[in-house]
Structure formats: C-alpha cells, structure tokens
Amino acid sequence: MTLQDPAFSLSPALLTPRTSFPALLHEPERHALPHGELLVFRFTNGYGAAVTCPAGPDAQLDFCVLDCTGSVPQPCFDTPVSGQFLSGLTHAGTQGLLMLTERLPVHPRRAAANAALLHEEF
C-alpha cells in the first residue's frame, strides 16, 4: 500500500437511490436497468409483480402482476388487481397495488399442487 492508494472505495451501486416498499412482507429481486432498476417481487401465494423504477425523484413507475408458479415469472392479466401493464404510477399507488397482489388468494396452480401433496405418502 502506498500513499497514492485510496483508503477505501465505494461501489457505484451504494450511491444509487433504492426504491423501497416498507409495507410489504417480501423483498424484491433487484435488476439494474440503463436508467433505473427493475424490481421483481415473488409472493408466497404464487403471484408476483414487476415494477420498473426510473432514476429521478419524481419518476413515475410501471407495474405488472406476474404468475410465479413456473420457473420463470410471466405477466398475468387475469387478476382483480390489474388486467394490463400499468404506467405512470406514483410510489404510493404502486405500493397499494403490490399490497393487493401480495394478498391475493393462492394461485389456482399453487392450490392444486398443495392439494396433491396432501395425498402423497412420505
């Protein structure tokens, strides 16, 4: 170590503001985008949500409900929460949609799998 070596270095990721939704029970997977981040939530009921968060203090968010019963989450348009991609949402509006998605009844495929497990002998 020399006097020219920096004493410490900060990762740029540490300086990036992070969008948080404290009212939720689940933490999202975070994926970097060129001008923001993509949050992917997976809830225990078999549903999830994708939220795009552009950089900037007044950025509007995008939201989509996901079917998380497969290995790769897919957009899901047949829930009472939303039947389409939603754009231009506020943070509070997005948090409300996430809370509704988190509280949906168990996905029918997840319910069928749970019922099948009840009849298995271990």
C-alpha atoms as a PDB file:
ATOM      1  CA  MET A   1       0.000   0.000   0.000  1.00  0.00           C
ATOM      2  CA  THR A   2       1.299   3.432  -0.915  1.00  0.00           C
ATOM      3  CA  LEU A   3       0.192   6.958  -0.101  1.00  0.00           C
ATOM      4  CA  GLN A   4      -1.382   7.209  -3.554  1.00  0.00           C
ATOM      5  CA  ASP A   5      -3.689   4.230  -2.937  1.00  0.00           C
ATOM      6  CA  PRO A   6      -7.180   5.244  -1.873  1.00  0.00           C
ATOM      7  CA  ALA A   7      -8.042   4.395   1.709  1.00  0.00           C
ATOM      8  CA  PHE A   8     -11.360   2.943   0.581  1.00  0.00           C
ATOM      9  CA  SER A   9     -13.544   2.837  -2.486  1.00  0.00           C
ATOM     10  CA  LEU A  10     -17.292   2.973  -2.820  1.00  0.00           C
ATOM     11  CA  SER A  11     -19.219   0.855  -5.230  1.00  0.00           C
ATOM     12  CA  PRO A  12     -21.428   2.975  -7.543  1.00  0.00           C
ATOM     13  CA  ALA A  13     -24.335   0.731  -6.522  1.00  0.00           C
ATOM     14  CA  LEU A  14     -24.048   2.083  -2.980  1.00  0.00           C
ATOM     15  CA  LEU A  15     -24.643   5.614  -4.247  1.00  0.00           C
ATOM     16  CA  THR A  16     -27.754   4.754  -6.275  1.00  0.00           C
ATOM     17  CA  PRO A  17     -31.022   5.599  -4.527  1.00  0.00           C
ATOM     18  CA  ARG A  18     -33.076   2.467  -3.919  1.00  0.00           C
ATOM     19  CA  THR A  19     -36.834   2.340  -4.158  1.00  0.00           C
ATOM     20  CA  SER A  20     -38.341   0.639  -1.142  1.00  0.00           C
ATOM     21  CA  PHE A  21     -41.813  -0.523  -0.238  1.00  0.00           C
ATOM     22  CA  PRO A  22     -41.785  -0.930   3.563  1.00  0.00           C
ATOM     23  CA  ALA A  23     -45.429  -2.035   3.827  1.00  0.00           C
ATOM     24  CA  LEU A  24     -44.650  -5.331   2.044  1.00  0.00           C
ATOM     25  CA  LEU A  25     -43.605  -8.580   3.669  1.00  0.00           C
ATOM     26  CA  HIS A  26     -41.309  -9.581   0.781  1.00  0.00           C
ATOM     27  CA  GLU A  27     -38.113  -8.031  -0.567  1.00  0.00           C
ATOM     28  CA  PRO A  28     -37.727  -7.846  -4.354  1.00  0.00           C
ATOM     29  CA  GLU A  29     -35.010  -9.131  -6.631  1.00  0.00           C
ATOM     30  CA  ARG A  30     -33.271  -6.022  -7.976  1.00  0.00           C
ATOM     31  CA  HIS A  31     -32.045  -5.778 -11.562  1.00  0.00           C
ATOM     32  CA  ALA A  32     -30.181  -2.768 -12.933  1.00  0.00           C
ATOM     33  CA  LEU A  33     -31.592  -1.008 -15.990  1.00  0.00           C
ATOM     34  CA  PRO A  34     -29.792   1.666 -18.037  1.00  0.00           C
ATOM     35  CA  HIS A  35     -31.840   4.455 -16.402  1.00  0.00           C
ATOM     36  CA  GLY A  36     -33.191   2.901 -13.204  1.00  0.00           C
ATOM     37  CA  GLU A  37     -33.991  -0.559 -11.898  1.00  0.00           C
ATOM     38  CA  LEU A  38     -36.443  -3.430 -12.245  1.00  0.00           C
ATOM     39  CA  LEU A  39     -37.886  -4.885  -9.059  1.00  0.00           C
ATOM     40  CA  VAL A  40     -39.294  -8.421  -9.256  1.00  0.00           C
ATOM     41  CA  PHE A  41     -41.441  -9.500  -6.320  1.00  0.00           C
ATOM     42  CA  ARG A  42     -42.388 -13.163  -5.714  1.00  0.00           C
ATOM     43  CA  PHE A  43     -45.129 -13.732  -3.171  1.00  0.00           C
ATOM     44  CA  THR A  44     -45.985 -16.990  -1.380  1.00  0.00           C
ATOM     45  CA  ASN A  45     -49.459 -17.061  -2.965  1.00  0.00           C
ATOM     46  CA  GLY A  46     -47.935 -17.857  -6.396  1.00  0.00           C
ATOM     47  CA  TYR A  47     -48.249 -14.338  -7.747  1.00  0.00           C
ATOM     48  CA  GLY A  48     -45.671 -11.618  -8.009  1.00  0.00           C
ATOM     49  CA  ALA A  49     -45.105  -8.247  -9.594  1.00  0.00           C
ATOM     50  CA  ALA A  50     -42.626  -6.442 -11.800  1.00  0.00           C
ATOM     51  CA  VAL A  51     -42.030  -2.762 -11.091  1.00  0.00           C
ATOM     52  CA  THR A  52     -39.776  -0.548 -13.180  1.00  0.00           C
ATOM     53  CA  CYS A  53     -38.335   2.388 -11.287  1.00  0.00           C
ATOM     54  CA  PRO A  54     -36.688   5.038 -13.477  1.00  0.00           C
ATOM     55  CA  ALA A  55     -33.978   7.132 -11.861  1.00  0.00           C
ATOM     56  CA  GLY A  56     -35.033  10.519 -10.534  1.00  0.00           C
ATOM     57  CA  PRO A  57     -37.012  11.849  -7.606  1.00  0.00           C
ATOM     58  CA  ASP A  58     -40.303  12.394  -9.476  1.00  0.00           C
ATOM     59  CA  ALA A  59     -40.100   9.343 -11.755  1.00  0.00           C
ATOM     60  CA  GLN A  60     -43.323   7.510 -12.475  1.00  0.00           C
ATOM     61  CA  LEU A  61     -43.359   3.753 -12.004  1.00  0.00           C
ATOM     62  CA  ASP A  62     -44.621   0.894 -14.194  1.00  0.00           C
ATOM     63  CA  PHE A  63     -46.367  -2.166 -12.738  1.00  0.00           C
ATOM     64  CA  CYS A  64     -47.359  -5.647 -13.907  1.00  0.00           C
ATOM     65  CA  VAL A  65     -48.758  -8.645 -11.992  1.00  0.00           C
ATOM     66  CA  LEU A  66     -46.738 -11.836 -12.506  1.00  0.00           C
ATOM     67  CA  ASP A  67     -47.628 -15.529 -12.433  1.00  0.00           C
ATOM     68  CA  CYS A  68     -44.789 -17.040 -10.395  1.00  0.00           C
ATOM     69  CA  THR A  69     -45.933 -20.667 -10.407  1.00  0.00           C
ATOM     70  CA  GLY A  70     -43.435 -21.624 -13.145  1.00  0.00           C
ATOM     71  CA  SER A  71     -39.670 -21.435 -13.130  1.00  0.00           C
ATOM     72  CA  VAL A  72     -39.730 -18.051 -14.903  1.00  0.00           C
ATOM     73  CA  PRO A  73     -42.333 -15.428 -13.857  1.00  0.00           C
ATOM     74  CA  GLN A  74     -44.752 -14.478 -16.643  1.00  0.00           C
ATOM     75  CA  PRO A  75     -47.116 -11.489 -16.970  1.00  0.00           C
ATOM     76  CA  CYS A  76     -50.567 -12.322 -15.609  1.00  0.00           C
ATOM     77  CA  PHE A  77     -53.594 -10.386 -16.821  1.00  0.00           C
ATOM     78  CA  ASP A  78     -56.478 -12.243 -15.144  1.00  0.00           C
ATOM     79  CA  THR A  79     -56.359 -10.955 -11.565  1.00  0.00           C
ATOM     80  CA  PRO A  80     -58.623  -8.398  -9.910  1.00  0.00           C
ATOM     81  CA  VAL A  81     -55.539  -6.266  -9.206  1.00  0.00           C
ATOM     82  CA  SER A  82     -54.827  -5.440 -12.847  1.00  0.00           C
ATOM     83  CA  GLY A  83     -55.625  -6.842 -16.265  1.00  0.00           C
ATOM     84  CA  GLN A  84     -52.839  -4.943 -18.047  1.00  0.00           C
ATOM     85  CA  PHE A  85     -49.468  -3.243 -17.692  1.00  0.00           C
ATOM     86  CA  LEU A  86     -49.896  -0.003 -15.755  1.00  0.00           C
ATOM     87  CA  SER A  87     -47.674   3.025 -16.378  1.00  0.00           C
ATOM     88  CA  GLY A  88     -47.253   6.457 -14.846  1.00  0.00           C
ATOM     89  CA  LEU A  89     -47.902   5.369 -11.252  1.00  0.00           C
ATOM     90  CA  THR A  90     -46.836   7.131  -8.084  1.00  0.00           C
ATOM     91  CA  HIS A  91     -44.832   5.343  -5.418  1.00  0.00           C
ATOM     92  CA  ALA A  92     -47.888   5.229  -3.121  1.00  0.00           C
ATOM     93  CA  GLY A  93     -50.120   3.871  -5.899  1.00  0.00           C
ATOM     94  CA  THR A  94     -47.578   1.192  -6.764  1.00  0.00           C
ATOM     95  CA  GLN A  95     -47.233   0.198  -3.116  1.00  0.00           C
ATOM     96  CA  GLY A  96     -51.022  -0.199  -2.895  1.00  0.00           C
ATOM     97  CA  LEU A  97     -51.058  -2.463  -5.972  1.00  0.00           C
ATOM     98  CA  LEU A  98     -48.195  -4.520  -4.559  1.00  0.00           C
ATOM     99  CA  MET A  99     -50.053  -4.944  -1.273  1.00  0.00           C
ATOM    100  CA  LEU A 100     -53.180  -6.104  -3.146  1.00  0.00           C
ATOM    101  CA  THR A 101     -51.128  -8.578  -5.186  1.00  0.00           C
ATOM    102  CA  GLU A 102     -49.408  -9.908  -2.059  1.00  0.00           C
ATOM    103  CA  ARG A 103     -52.842 -10.539  -0.507  1.00  0.00           C
ATOM    104  CA  LEU A 104     -54.486 -12.290  -3.480  1.00  0.00           C
ATOM    105  CA  PRO A 105     -55.854 -15.779  -2.794  1.00  0.00           C
ATOM    106  CA  VAL A 106     -53.472 -18.638  -3.563  1.00  0.00           C
ATOM    107  CA  HIS A 107     -52.924 -19.077  -7.311  1.00  0.00           C
ATOM    108  CA  PRO A 108     -55.045 -21.998  -8.651  1.00  0.00           C
ATOM    109  CA  ARG A 109     -51.947 -23.958  -9.783  1.00  0.00           C
ATOM    110  CA  ARG A 110     -50.319 -23.476  -6.389  1.00  0.00           C
ATOM    111  CA  ALA A 111     -53.541 -24.610  -4.671  1.00  0.00           C
ATOM    112  CA  ALA A 112     -53.706 -27.739  -6.901  1.00  0.00           C
ATOM    113  CA  ALA A 113     -50.078 -28.571  -6.139  1.00  0.00           C
ATOM    114  CA  ASN A 114     -50.691 -28.151  -2.402  1.00  0.00           C
ATOM    115  CA  ALA A 115     -53.752 -30.442  -2.591  1.00  0.00           C
ATOM    116  CA  ALA A 116     -51.751 -33.088  -4.476  1.00  0.00           C
ATOM    117  CA  LEU A 117     -49.058 -33.004  -1.798  1.00  0.00           C
ATOM    118  CA  LEU A 118     -51.655 -33.777   0.873  1.00  0.00           C
ATOM    119  CA  HIS A 119     -52.281 -37.173  -0.736  1.00  0.00           C
ATOM    120  CA  GLU A 120     -48.596 -38.135  -1.033  1.00  0.00           C
ATOM    121  CA  GLU A 121     -47.084 -40.693   1.299  1.00  0.00           C
ATOM    122  CA  PHE A 122     -43.626 -39.893   2.568  1.00  0.00           C
END
